[in-house]
Amino acid sequence: MFIGMMASGVLFLAAILIAVGLAANAVWRAIAAPAGLPRSAGCGSCGYELTTLQAGRCSECGADLLKAGVNTRRNVIRTAGSVPAAMLGWSLIVISAGTIVIYMVSMVAMTQSVAMGAAGGAGGMAYTSNFTFRPSRLPPAADGTRQSPPSFTLAVDVDVDGNWGMPANSGTILFTISADEQEAVIAFNDASTDAWVLTGPDGVEIARGEYLAPEDVSAAFSAIGLEEAEHATLPDFAAEITNVADLALQDPLSYETNMMASAGVNANNSGAQLQQSGGTSNWGGMGAMMGSPSDYIIPIVTLGVCVLVWIGGIVFILRRRAKLLSEPRDAAAS
């Protein structure tokens, strides 16, 4: 497969180079004076410039001009090259060159933006999302039995800012766990840190800490009446929720893209899995990914320059062609 991909890439590049070469040849044939361009009418057999058509034969080689024909400047120029072909060739050259330039400029601009974003200087994005999860049915145990998962709902509300692909640097993240009309909330009130606060159904603070651990999520389960004695898989779901919280804090972009692309979460490969039951997300998009106006202004300016170059080339081809058809051979050769 790798060899096939390499071969197809080489063939594609060769085809592009051949096409550009043919395009350049079409332009050159249209604007350059052909070799042997006659100053006046010439014999179609030997090219000798005719001064008389007496007897209908070439005075140099004696060829019958009715059979050999008479070459004129305009006839030779039009036979050597074509204006439509030259315009099409020039368009292909400009498109090929412009595509390469815009691609290179865009890659440089994006690389700089990502580097600046990693340094904390640019690339800021806003992340807002609200996803809802429920515990999915568990796989059968080794003895073939299948346990029913505990009944709870997890709502994750993310409202943070951060650099592209980097940890959140401000905002809040709320994990609301609900069961039997009771709910406990794990709140990261400052997403730039890992500090959290757990409040119970009555809104009273139960615990707080610097880093969320599975046992902290288990305390939230207990606050809403879910106990490990009745649901042996609660520690596994607590570990899943801890992993989700860590991802949302450390990489909001990956969190939102993963949630939108996946129907479930199973970050620690345990038997427990959180099944996504709905949600939406929004992040900054291309505009926010770019660290400065130059990231999109430069490609636009490059495109504008390509258009101007294309127009200038078309005008040059038409004017050069008209000049070839009107000027003497010596002037055209110069």
Protein backbone atom coordinates (compact mmCIF):
# COMPACT_ATOMS: atom_id res chain seq x y z
CA MET A 1 0.00 0.00 0.00
CA PHE A 2 2.82 2.38 0.91
CA ILE A 3 4.63 1.70 -2.38
CA GLY A 4 1.37 2.23 -4.28
CA MET A 5 0.75 5.56 -2.55
CA MET A 6 4.32 6.70 -3.28
CA ALA A 7 4.01 5.65 -6.92
CA SER A 8 0.69 7.43 -7.35
CA GLY A 9 2.19 10.56 -5.79
CA VAL A 10 5.16 10.47 -8.18
CA LEU A 11 2.86 9.93 -11.16
CA PHE A 12 0.63 12.81 -10.06
CA LEU A 13 3.63 15.13 -9.70
CA ALA A 14 4.95 14.05 -13.10
CA ALA A 15 1.56 14.74 -14.69
CA ILE A 16 1.48 18.22 -13.15
CA LEU A 17 5.01 18.99 -14.40
CA ILE A 18 4.16 17.75 -17.91
CA ALA A 19 0.97 19.83 -17.97
CA VAL A 20 2.82 22.96 -16.82
CA GLY A 21 5.54 22.30 -19.42
CA LEU A 22 2.98 22.01 -22.22
CA ALA A 23 1.29 25.17 -20.95
CA ALA A 24 4.58 27.08 -21.02
CA ASN A 25 5.26 25.82 -24.55
CA ALA A 26 1.82 27.02 -25.69
CA VAL A 27 2.50 30.48 -24.27
CA TRP A 28 5.96 30.65 -25.86
CA ARG A 29 4.73 29.58 -29.30
CA ALA A 30 2.09 32.31 -29.20
CA ILE A 31 4.36 35.21 -28.23
CA ALA A 32 7.72 34.32 -29.83
CA ALA A 33 8.60 34.88 -33.49
CA PRO A 34 8.85 31.47 -35.22
CA ALA A 35 12.19 30.49 -36.72
CA GLY A 36 12.42 31.44 -40.36
CA LEU A 37 9.60 33.96 -40.19
CA PRO A 38 9.52 35.57 -43.70
CA ARG A 39 9.63 39.31 -44.20
CA SER A 40 7.17 38.95 -47.07
CA ALA A 41 5.43 36.16 -48.93
CA GLY A 42 7.64 33.10 -49.43
CA CYS A 43 7.66 29.85 -51.33
CA GLY A 44 5.91 27.05 -49.47
CA SER A 45 8.54 24.61 -50.71
CA CYS A 46 11.89 26.29 -50.12
CA GLY A 47 10.90 29.43 -48.19
CA TYR A 48 12.46 31.79 -50.70
CA GLU A 49 10.95 35.27 -50.45
CA LEU A 50 8.98 35.90 -53.58
CA THR A 51 9.27 39.14 -55.43
CA THR A 52 7.07 38.07 -58.32
CA LEU A 53 4.46 35.43 -59.04
CA GLN A 54 5.36 35.30 -62.75
CA ALA A 55 4.37 31.97 -64.32
CA GLY A 56 3.14 30.79 -60.92
CA ARG A 57 6.48 29.22 -60.04
CA CYS A 58 9.17 29.95 -57.45
CA SER A 59 12.07 31.79 -59.03
CA GLU A 60 14.48 29.96 -56.69
CA CYS A 61 13.46 26.29 -56.76
CA GLY A 62 10.90 26.32 -59.58
CA ALA A 63 8.16 24.75 -57.45
CA ASP A 64 4.57 25.16 -58.63
CA LEU A 65 3.15 27.69 -56.15
CA LEU A 66 -0.36 26.32 -56.65
CA LYS A 67 0.86 23.04 -55.14
CA ALA A 68 3.60 24.23 -52.76
CA GLY A 69 1.60 27.22 -51.54
CA VAL A 70 2.70 30.68 -50.49
CA ASN A 71 3.69 31.40 -46.89
CA THR A 72 2.87 34.79 -45.39
CA ARG A 73 3.89 36.29 -42.02
CA ARG A 74 0.40 36.06 -40.60
CA ASN A 75 -0.03 32.50 -41.83
CA VAL A 76 3.27 31.34 -40.27
CA ILE A 77 2.57 33.09 -36.95
CA ARG A 78 -0.96 31.70 -36.70
CA THR A 79 0.25 28.20 -37.55
CA ALA A 80 3.07 28.34 -35.00
CA GLY A 81 0.90 29.26 -32.01
CA SER A 82 -2.66 29.81 -30.79
CA VAL A 83 -3.93 32.66 -28.62
CA PRO A 84 -6.65 30.55 -26.90
CA ALA A 85 -4.10 27.83 -26.16
CA ALA A 86 -1.68 30.43 -24.79
CA MET A 87 -4.37 31.96 -22.55
CA LEU A 88 -5.35 28.52 -21.26
CA GLY A 89 -1.71 27.63 -20.66
CA TRP A 90 -1.04 30.88 -18.83
CA SER A 91 -4.08 30.29 -16.63
CA LEU A 92 -2.79 26.81 -15.73
CA ILE A 93 0.66 28.20 -14.88
CA VAL A 94 -0.74 30.94 -12.64
CA ILE A 95 -3.15 28.55 -10.90
CA SER A 96 -0.38 26.03 -10.25
CA ALA A 97 2.08 28.63 -8.98
CA GLY A 98 -0.58 30.45 -6.95
CA THR A 99 -1.75 27.23 -5.30
CA ILE A 100 1.79 26.38 -4.24
CA VAL A 101 2.45 29.89 -2.91
CA ILE A 102 -0.86 30.12 -1.01
CA TYR A 103 -0.32 26.67 0.47
CA MET A 104 3.19 27.53 1.64
CA VAL A 105 2.12 30.92 3.05
CA SER A 106 -0.86 29.36 4.83
CA MET A 107 1.26 26.60 6.33
CA VAL A 108 3.84 29.12 7.58
CA ALA A 109 1.09 31.32 9.04
CA MET A 110 -0.64 28.39 10.75
CA THR A 111 2.67 27.06 12.09
CA GLN A 112 3.46 30.45 13.60
CA SER A 113 -0.07 30.67 15.03
CA VAL A 114 0.19 27.25 16.66
CA ALA A 115 3.64 28.06 18.03
CA MET A 116 2.39 31.35 19.45
CA GLY A 117 -0.65 29.60 20.87
CA ALA A 118 1.56 27.01 22.58
CA ALA A 119 3.57 29.86 24.08
CA GLY A 120 0.39 31.45 25.36
CA GLY A 121 0.66 34.52 23.15
CA ALA A 122 -2.10 33.81 20.61
CA GLY A 123 -4.45 31.23 19.22
CA GLY A 124 -7.08 31.87 21.89
CA MET A 125 -10.36 29.99 21.54
CA ALA A 126 -13.64 29.96 23.43
CA TYR A 127 -15.20 26.59 24.22
CA THR A 128 -18.84 26.17 25.19
CA SER A 129 -20.58 22.82 25.37
CA ASN A 130 -23.27 20.94 27.20
CA PHE A 131 -23.28 17.14 26.98
CA THR A 132 -25.48 14.64 28.79
CA PHE A 133 -24.44 11.06 29.58
CA ARG A 134 -26.05 7.98 31.04
CA PRO A 135 -24.38 4.75 32.14
CA SER A 136 -24.66 2.17 29.40
CA ARG A 137 -25.47 -1.50 29.85
CA LEU A 138 -22.44 -3.41 31.10
CA PRO A 139 -20.80 -6.30 29.26
CA PRO A 140 -21.37 -9.80 30.72
CA ALA A 141 -19.10 -10.87 33.53
CA ALA A 142 -16.79 -13.89 33.34
CA ASP A 143 -19.51 -16.15 34.71
CA GLY A 144 -21.92 -14.98 32.01
CA THR A 145 -24.09 -12.84 34.25
CA ARG A 146 -24.91 -9.29 33.26
CA GLN A 147 -25.27 -6.52 35.80
CA SER A 148 -27.63 -3.64 35.32
CA PRO A 149 -25.83 -0.26 35.52
CA PRO A 150 -26.79 2.26 38.19
CA SER A 151 -29.38 4.79 37.12
CA PHE A 152 -27.99 8.30 37.02
CA THR A 153 -27.50 11.18 34.59
CA LEU A 154 -24.30 13.17 34.10
CA ALA A 155 -24.54 16.68 32.62
CA VAL A 156 -21.26 18.38 31.72
CA ASP A 157 -21.35 22.13 31.13
CA VAL A 158 -18.10 23.59 29.77
CA ASP A 159 -17.62 27.34 29.39
CA VAL A 160 -13.89 28.04 29.16
CA ASP A 161 -11.25 29.91 27.18
CA GLY A 162 -7.89 28.50 26.18
CA ASN A 163 -5.22 28.44 23.53
CA TRP A 164 -5.71 26.05 20.64
CA GLY A 165 -4.97 22.52 21.82
CA MET A 166 -3.82 23.76 25.23
CA PRO A 167 -5.34 23.58 28.76
CA ALA A 168 -8.15 25.93 29.72
CA ASN A 169 -6.88 29.23 31.11
CA SER A 170 -10.18 30.62 32.43
CA GLY A 171 -13.88 29.82 32.76
CA THR A 172 -15.96 27.19 34.55
CA ILE A 173 -16.76 23.49 34.19
CA LEU A 174 -19.74 21.96 35.97
CA PHE A 175 -20.37 18.21 36.45
CA THR A 176 -23.95 17.63 37.61
CA ILE A 177 -24.78 14.06 38.66
CA SER A 178 -28.53 13.38 39.11
CA ALA A 179 -30.51 10.40 40.40
CA ASP A 180 -34.05 10.14 41.82
CA GLU A 181 -34.54 13.91 41.55
CA GLN A 182 -31.42 14.49 43.66
CA GLU A 183 -28.31 16.10 42.24
CA ALA A 184 -24.73 16.77 43.27
CA VAL A 185 -22.52 19.29 41.50
CA ILE A 186 -18.74 19.14 41.08
CA ALA A 187 -17.73 22.66 40.05
CA PHE A 188 -14.41 23.84 38.66
CA ASN A 189 -15.04 27.54 39.23
CA ASP A 190 -11.63 28.54 37.85
CA ALA A 191 -10.67 26.21 35.00
CA SER A 192 -7.11 27.59 35.00
CA THR A 193 -6.58 25.42 38.11
CA ASP A 194 -7.71 21.90 38.99
CA ALA A 195 -9.46 23.04 42.17
CA TRP A 196 -13.03 21.78 42.59
CA VAL A 197 -15.96 22.11 44.97
CA LEU A 198 -18.61 19.43 45.61
CA THR A 199 -22.09 20.51 46.73
CA GLY A 200 -24.94 18.19 47.64
CA PRO A 201 -28.66 18.24 46.84
CA ASP A 202 -29.32 20.94 49.44
CA GLY A 203 -26.61 23.20 47.98
CA VAL A 204 -24.34 22.72 51.00
CA GLU A 205 -20.65 22.19 50.33
CA ILE A 206 -19.59 18.60 50.97
CA ALA A 207 -15.93 18.66 49.96
CA ARG A 208 -13.30 20.51 47.98
CA GLY A 209 -9.83 19.73 46.68
CA GLU A 210 -7.04 20.55 44.26
CA TYR A 211 -7.29 17.52 41.97
CA LEU A 212 -10.40 15.44 41.30
CA ALA A 213 -10.03 11.74 42.13
CA PRO A 214 -12.44 8.80 41.66
CA GLU A 215 -13.20 8.71 45.39
CA ASP A 216 -14.36 12.34 45.17
CA VAL A 217 -16.86 11.37 42.46
CA SER A 218 -17.92 8.42 44.63
CA ALA A 219 -18.71 10.97 47.37
CA ALA A 220 -20.99 12.74 44.88
CA PHE A 221 -22.74 9.42 44.17
CA SER A 222 -23.26 8.88 47.89
CA ALA A 223 -24.73 12.38 48.24
CA ILE A 224 -27.56 11.45 45.86
CA GLY A 225 -28.19 8.01 47.35
CA LEU A 226 -26.06 5.77 45.12
CA GLU A 227 -23.90 3.37 47.12
CA GLU A 228 -21.27 0.87 46.07
CA ALA A 229 -22.92 -1.78 48.24
CA GLU A 230 -25.88 -1.75 45.83
CA HIS A 231 -23.98 -0.98 42.63
CA ALA A 232 -20.57 -2.62 42.45
CA THR A 233 -19.69 -0.78 39.24
CA LEU A 234 -19.91 2.72 40.74
CA PRO A 235 -16.09 2.97 41.19
CA ASP A 236 -15.65 2.27 37.46
CA PHE A 237 -18.08 5.02 36.52
CA ALA A 238 -16.39 7.34 39.03
CA ALA A 239 -13.08 6.69 37.23
CA GLU A 240 -14.72 7.44 33.86
CA ILE A 241 -16.08 10.77 35.12
CA THR A 242 -12.65 11.67 36.51
CA ASN A 243 -11.07 11.04 33.12
CA VAL A 244 -13.68 13.16 31.35
CA ALA A 245 -13.06 16.02 33.79
CA ASP A 246 -9.32 15.80 33.27
CA LEU A 247 -9.70 15.91 29.48
CA ALA A 248 -12.03 18.93 29.61
CA LEU A 249 -9.54 20.81 31.80
CA GLN A 250 -6.32 19.85 30.02
CA ASP A 251 -7.48 19.90 26.38
CA PRO A 252 -10.95 21.44 25.78
CA LEU A 253 -10.54 21.12 22.00
CA SER A 254 -9.98 17.36 22.17
CA TYR A 255 -12.79 17.03 24.70
CA GLU A 256 -15.35 18.72 22.46
CA THR A 257 -14.24 17.03 19.23
CA ASN A 258 -14.19 13.61 20.93
CA MET A 259 -17.62 14.13 22.41
CA MET A 260 -19.07 15.17 19.04
CA ALA A 261 -17.47 12.25 17.22
CA SER A 262 -18.17 9.50 19.73
CA ALA A 263 -21.36 8.01 21.13
CA GLY A 264 -19.69 7.00 24.38
CA VAL A 265 -16.74 7.55 26.70
CA ASN A 266 -14.49 4.78 27.96
CA ALA A 267 -11.18 6.46 28.60
CA ASN A 268 -9.79 3.92 31.07
CA ASN A 269 -10.95 0.81 29.18
CA SER A 270 -12.93 -0.46 32.15
CA GLY A 271 -16.16 -2.39 31.91
CA ALA A 272 -18.15 0.75 32.63
CA GLN A 273 -19.01 3.20 29.88
CA LEU A 274 -20.80 6.52 29.79
CA GLN A 275 -23.22 6.66 26.87
CA GLN A 276 -23.80 10.10 25.40
CA SER A 277 -27.49 10.90 25.20
CA GLY A 278 -27.31 14.40 23.75
CA GLY A 279 -25.45 17.66 23.67
CA THR A 280 -23.99 20.48 21.64
CA SER A 281 -20.63 22.22 21.42
CA ASN A 282 -19.09 25.29 19.91
CA TRP A 283 -15.54 26.49 19.72
CA GLY A 284 -13.77 29.38 18.08
CA GLY A 285 -13.39 27.95 14.56
CA MET A 286 -10.80 29.03 12.00
CA GLY A 287 -10.95 32.69 12.93
CA ALA A 288 -10.06 32.00 16.52
CA MET A 289 -7.42 29.47 15.59
CA MET A 290 -5.53 32.17 13.78
CA GLY A 291 -3.38 34.21 16.06
CA SER A 292 -3.31 37.46 14.06
CA PRO A 293 -4.96 39.11 11.04
CA SER A 294 -1.88 38.29 8.95
CA ASP A 295 -2.83 34.61 9.13
CA TYR A 296 -5.74 35.20 6.77
CA ILE A 297 -4.77 38.53 5.20
CA ILE A 298 -1.56 37.14 3.68
CA PRO A 299 -3.29 34.32 1.72
CA ILE A 300 -5.96 36.77 0.50
CA VAL A 301 -3.31 39.26 -0.63
CA THR A 302 -1.40 36.43 -2.33
CA LEU A 303 -4.57 35.43 -4.18
CA GLY A 304 -5.09 39.04 -5.27
CA VAL A 305 -1.51 39.24 -6.57
CA CYS A 306 -2.06 36.02 -8.54
CA VAL A 307 -5.17 37.49 -10.17
CA LEU A 308 -3.27 40.65 -11.13
CA VAL A 309 -0.39 38.59 -12.54
CA TRP A 310 -2.86 36.50 -14.55
CA ILE A 311 -4.54 39.61 -15.99
CA GLY A 312 -1.16 41.17 -16.77
CA GLY A 313 -0.04 38.00 -18.54
CA ILE A 314 -3.20 37.84 -20.67
CA VAL A 315 -2.76 41.47 -21.71
CA PHE A 316 0.91 40.84 -22.56
CA ILE A 317 0.04 37.78 -24.68
CA LEU A 318 -2.58 39.70 -26.68
CA ARG A 319 -0.35 42.74 -27.23
CA ARG A 320 2.68 40.64 -28.12
CA ARG A 321 0.63 38.62 -30.57
CA ALA A 322 -0.70 41.74 -32.27
CA LYS A 323 2.83 43.13 -32.51
CA LEU A 324 4.12 39.95 -34.13
CA LEU A 325 1.41 40.10 -36.77
CA SER A 326 2.21 43.71 -37.66
CA GLU A 327 5.98 44.21 -37.35
CA PRO A 328 8.70 43.27 -39.84
CA ARG A 329 10.67 40.07 -39.30
CA ASP A 330 13.85 41.84 -38.15
CA ALA A 331 12.01 43.77 -35.47
CA ALA A 332 10.22 40.61 -34.31
CA ALA A 333 13.50 38.77 -34.04
CA SER A 334 14.97 41.55 -31.94
